[in-house]
Every structure is written in structure tokens, then in C-alpha cells.
C-alpha atoms as a PDB file:
ATOM      1  CA  ARG A   1    -152.306 -70.150 148.108  1.00  0.00           C
ATOM      2  CA  THR A   2    -149.330 -70.223 146.624  1.00  0.00           C
ATOM      3  CA  ARG A   3    -149.638 -72.938 143.786  1.00  0.00           C
ATOM      4  CA  ALA A   4    -152.770 -73.639 141.967  1.00  0.00           C
ATOM      5  CA  VAL A   5    -152.361 -77.424 141.116  1.00  0.00           C
ATOM      6  CA  ALA A   6    -153.029 -77.840 137.901  1.00  0.00           C
ATOM      7  CA  GLU A   7    -155.939 -79.516 136.626  1.00  0.00           C
ATOM      8  CA  ALA A   8    -155.540 -83.322 136.504  1.00  0.00           C
ATOM      9  CA  PRO A   9    -155.621 -85.452 132.646  1.00  0.00           C
ATOM     10  CA  ARG A  10    -159.006 -86.586 131.851  1.00  0.00           C
ATOM     11  CA  SER A  11    -157.771 -90.592 131.414  1.00  0.00           C
ATOM     12  CA  PRO A  12    -157.224 -92.904 133.893  1.00  0.00           C
ATOM     13  CA  LEU A  13    -153.798 -93.784 133.223  1.00  0.00           C
ATOM     14  CA  SER A  14    -152.922 -90.171 132.553  1.00  0.00           C
ATOM     15  CA  ARG A  15    -155.072 -89.332 136.601  1.00  0.00           C
ATOM     16  CA  THR A  16    -152.656 -91.903 137.630  1.00  0.00           C
ATOM     17  CA  GLU A  17    -149.926 -90.759 136.292  1.00  0.00           C
ATOM     18  CA  HIS A  18    -150.500 -87.107 138.055  1.00  0.00           C
ATOM     19  CA  LEU A  19    -151.157 -88.744 141.120  1.00  0.00           C
ATOM     20  CA  ALA A  20    -148.009 -90.051 141.121  1.00  0.00           C
ATOM     21  CA  ALA A  21    -146.173 -86.442 140.110  1.00  0.00           C
ATOM     22  CA  ILE A  22    -148.193 -84.892 143.162  1.00  0.00           C
ATOM     23  CA  ARG A  23    -147.198 -87.468 145.652  1.00  0.00           C
ATOM     24  CA  ARG A  24    -143.725 -87.035 144.751  1.00  0.00           C
ATOM     25  CA  GLU A  25    -144.038 -83.685 144.911  1.00  0.00           C
ATOM     26  CA  ILE A  26    -145.274 -83.883 148.153  1.00  0.00           C
ATOM     27  CA  ALA A  27    -142.249 -86.446 149.543  1.00  0.00           C
ATOM     28  CA  LEU A  28    -140.160 -83.418 148.257  1.00  0.00           C
ATOM     29  CA  LEU A  29    -141.566 -81.038 150.156  1.00  0.00           C
ATOM     30  CA  ASP A  30    -141.875 -83.175 153.581  1.00  0.00           C
ATOM     31  CA  ARG A  31    -137.906 -83.725 153.208  1.00  0.00           C
ATOM     32  CA  LYS A  32    -137.284 -79.956 152.722  1.00  0.00           C
ATOM     33  CA  ILE A  33    -139.414 -79.473 156.165  1.00  0.00           C
ATOM     34  CA  VAL A  34    -137.953 -81.695 157.831  1.00  0.00           C
ATOM     35  CA  GLU A  35    -134.874 -80.267 156.812  1.00  0.00           C
ATOM     36  CA  LEU A  36    -136.184 -77.044 157.632  1.00  0.00           C
ATOM     37  CA  ILE A  37    -137.466 -78.015 161.586  1.00  0.00           C
ATOM     38  CA  ALA A  38    -133.711 -79.411 161.603  1.00  0.00           C
ATOM     39  CA  ARG A  39    -131.678 -75.939 161.214  1.00  0.00           C
ATOM     40  CA  ARG A  40    -134.961 -74.504 163.658  1.00  0.00           C
ATOM     41  CA  VAL A  41    -134.090 -77.109 166.139  1.00  0.00           C
ATOM     42  CA  HIS A  42    -130.155 -76.493 165.940  1.00  0.00           C
ATOM     43  CA  LEU A  43    -130.928 -72.754 166.037  1.00  0.00           C
ATOM     44  CA  ALA A  44    -132.775 -73.164 169.202  1.00  0.00           C
ATOM     45  CA  GLU A  45    -129.795 -75.684 170.380  1.00  0.00           C
ATOM     46  CA  GLU A  46    -127.518 -72.530 169.848  1.00  0.00           C
ATOM     47  CA  ALA A  47    -129.876 -70.002 171.937  1.00  0.00           C
ATOM     48  CA  ALA A  48    -130.116 -72.172 174.651  1.00  0.00           C
ATOM     49  CA  GLY A  49    -126.456 -72.518 174.956  1.00  0.00           C
ATOM     50  CA  VAL A  50    -126.673 -68.270 174.684  1.00  0.00           C
ATOM     51  CA  LYS A  51    -129.570 -68.918 177.237  1.00  0.00           C
ATOM     52  CA  THR A  52    -127.995 -70.055 180.110  1.00  0.00           C
ATOM     53  CA  GLY A  53    -124.232 -68.657 179.596  1.00  0.00           C
ATOM     54  CA  LEU A  54    -127.171 -65.398 180.499  1.00  0.00           C
ATOM     55  CA  GLY A  55    -128.238 -66.884 182.908  1.00  0.00           C
ATOM     56  CA  LEU A  56    -131.561 -66.804 181.427  1.00  0.00           C
ATOM     57  CA  SER A  57    -134.171 -69.290 181.645  1.00  0.00           C
ATOM     58  CA  ILE A  58    -134.731 -71.863 178.158  1.00  0.00           C
ATOM     59  CA  ARG A  59    -138.632 -70.633 178.386  1.00  0.00           C
ATOM     60  CA  ASP A  60    -139.392 -67.387 177.443  1.00  0.00           C
ATOM     61  CA  PRO A  61    -143.545 -66.810 176.937  1.00  0.00           C
ATOM     62  CA  GLN A  62    -143.162 -63.476 175.292  1.00  0.00           C
ATOM     63  CA  VAL A  63    -140.856 -65.089 172.684  1.00  0.00           C
ATOM     64  CA  GLU A  64    -143.249 -67.511 172.035  1.00  0.00           C
ATOM     65  CA  ALA A  65    -146.437 -65.395 171.549  1.00  0.00           C
ATOM     66  CA  VAL A  66    -144.551 -63.729 169.300  1.00  0.00           C
ATOM     67  CA  VAL A  67    -143.750 -66.900 167.371  1.00  0.00           C
ATOM     68  CA  THR A  68    -147.088 -67.945 167.594  1.00  0.00           C
ATOM     69  CA  ARG A  69    -148.769 -64.510 166.672  1.00  0.00           C
ATOM     70  CA  ARG A  70    -145.799 -64.863 163.321  1.00  0.00           C
ATOM     71  CA  LEU A  71    -147.113 -67.874 162.501  1.00  0.00           C
ATOM     72  CA  GLU A  72    -151.369 -66.902 162.846  1.00  0.00           C
ATOM     73  CA  ALA A  73    -150.213 -63.940 160.744  1.00  0.00           C
ATOM     74  CA  ALA A  74    -148.871 -66.167 157.681  1.00  0.00           C
ATOM     75  CA  CYS A  75    -151.594 -68.720 157.238  1.00  0.00           C
ATOM     76  CA  PRO A  76    -154.285 -66.772 155.774  1.00  0.00           C
ATOM     77  CA  ASP A  77    -151.951 -64.732 153.621  1.00  0.00           C
ATOM     78  CA  LEU A  78    -151.621 -68.173 151.968  1.00  0.00           C
ATOM     79  CA  GLY A  79    -154.533 -69.665 152.196  1.00  0.00           C
ATOM     80  CA  LEU A  80    -154.728 -71.309 155.417  1.00  0.00           C
ATOM     81  CA  ARG A  81    -156.716 -71.346 158.848  1.00  0.00           C
ATOM     82  CA  PRO A  82    -154.950 -69.468 161.790  1.00  0.00           C
ATOM     83  CA  GLY A  83    -155.669 -72.390 164.100  1.00  0.00           C
ATOM     84  CA  LEU A  84    -153.309 -74.056 162.041  1.00  0.00           C
ATOM     85  CA  GLY A  85    -150.766 -71.305 162.915  1.00  0.00           C
ATOM     86  CA  ARG A  86    -151.036 -71.984 166.443  1.00  0.00           C
ATOM     87  CA  GLU A  87    -150.642 -75.403 166.075  1.00  0.00           C
ATOM     88  CA  LEU A  88    -147.406 -75.326 163.873  1.00  0.00           C
ATOM     89  CA  ALA A  89    -146.359 -73.343 166.925  1.00  0.00           C
ATOM     90  CA  ARG A  90    -147.243 -75.463 169.800  1.00  0.00           C
ATOM     91  CA  PHE A  91    -145.124 -78.020 167.769  1.00  0.00           C
ATOM     92  CA  LEU A  92    -141.950 -75.884 166.818  1.00  0.00           C
ATOM     93  CA  ILE A  93    -141.712 -74.313 170.340  1.00  0.00           C
ATOM     94  CA  GLY A  94    -142.440 -77.679 171.769  1.00  0.00           C
ATOM     95  CA  CYS A  95    -139.159 -79.577 169.626  1.00  0.00           C
ATOM     96  CA  ALA A  96    -137.035 -75.940 170.429  1.00  0.00           C
ATOM     97  CA  LEU A  97    -137.563 -76.818 174.211  1.00  0.00           C
ATOM     98  CA  ASP A  98    -137.053 -80.654 173.879  1.00  0.00           C
ATOM     99  CA  SER A  99    -133.869 -80.060 172.219  1.00  0.00           C
ATOM    100  CA  GLU A 100    -132.888 -77.286 174.727  1.00  0.00           C
ATOM    101  CA  ARG A 101    -133.657 -79.020 177.444  1.00  0.00           C
ATOM    102  CA  HIS A 102    -131.983 -82.248 176.151  1.00  0.00           C
ATOM    103  CA  LEU A 103    -128.838 -79.957 176.023  1.00  0.00           C
ATOM    104  CA  ALA A 104    -128.646 -77.933 179.158  1.00  0.00           C
ATOM    105  CA  ARG A 105    -129.154 -81.357 181.038  1.00  0.00           C
ATOM    106  CA  GLU A 106    -125.532 -82.712 178.712  1.00  0.00           C
ATOM    107  CA  THR A 107    -123.795 -79.153 178.962  1.00  0.00           C
ATOM    108  CA  VAL A 108    -124.396 -78.797 182.580  1.00  0.00           C
ATOM    109  CA  GLY A 109    -125.992 -81.658 183.982  1.00  0.00           C
ATOM    110  CA  ARG A 110    -128.768 -79.987 185.751  1.00  0.00           C
ATOM    111  CA  SER A 111    -132.460 -80.107 185.383  1.00  0.00           C
ATOM    112  CA  VAL A 112    -134.199 -77.155 183.204  1.00  0.00           C
ATOM    113  CA  ASP A 113    -136.907 -74.789 184.414  1.00  0.00           C
ATOM    114  CA  ASP A 114    -139.770 -75.340 181.994  1.00  0.00           C
END
């Protein structure tokens, strides 16, 4: 795990304050996660432009497999189950593909392959 959680205070008020602090930190992390996903989607859109210019398919199963393996391998190092890496890869790849397809339709006005 990347960070140990401090032991909760013993008094009810202190525990309530501690819980509120944890929730505030989670909210900050949620925002950072969304920012990172947005950055990744923007990079995927940039890649889509390059792929379109090269006449390449939007989907690249080999690259998708590399992404999946990379995320599966990272999870155990951080105390998470590898299956979460697969799920995360599916989600991130799906976000990228949706964005790339949308961008390709806008720029070339055509349907994009899967």
C-alpha cells in the first residue's frame, strides 16, 4: 500500500472529525483521478489524429494488451488485486476509444472501425 492510514482517534467527536478528514482527502483524490483521466483522453485524441493521418485503425489489440498487462502488474505492487488492473484497463481503453471515435467522426466525417 502506498500510505498507511493513521489510527482513528478514540472519542466519538474525534472519530467524526477523522472521518470527515478522510472523506476530504478522498474527494481531492477523486478530482486528481478525473484530471489524470482527462489528460489520458486528450493524449488518446492526439494519438487518434496521428493514426488517422497514417491510415491506421483506431483499435490496436497489441497496444491494448500492453496497457492491460502494465496495469495488472502495477496493482499488486500497490496492494491491489490484479483484476482491478484489468478492469481499469478496460475502462481507460474504452474512454480512449470513445473519444478517438468521436474525434475521428468530427474530423473526417466518417464512421470509424472497432
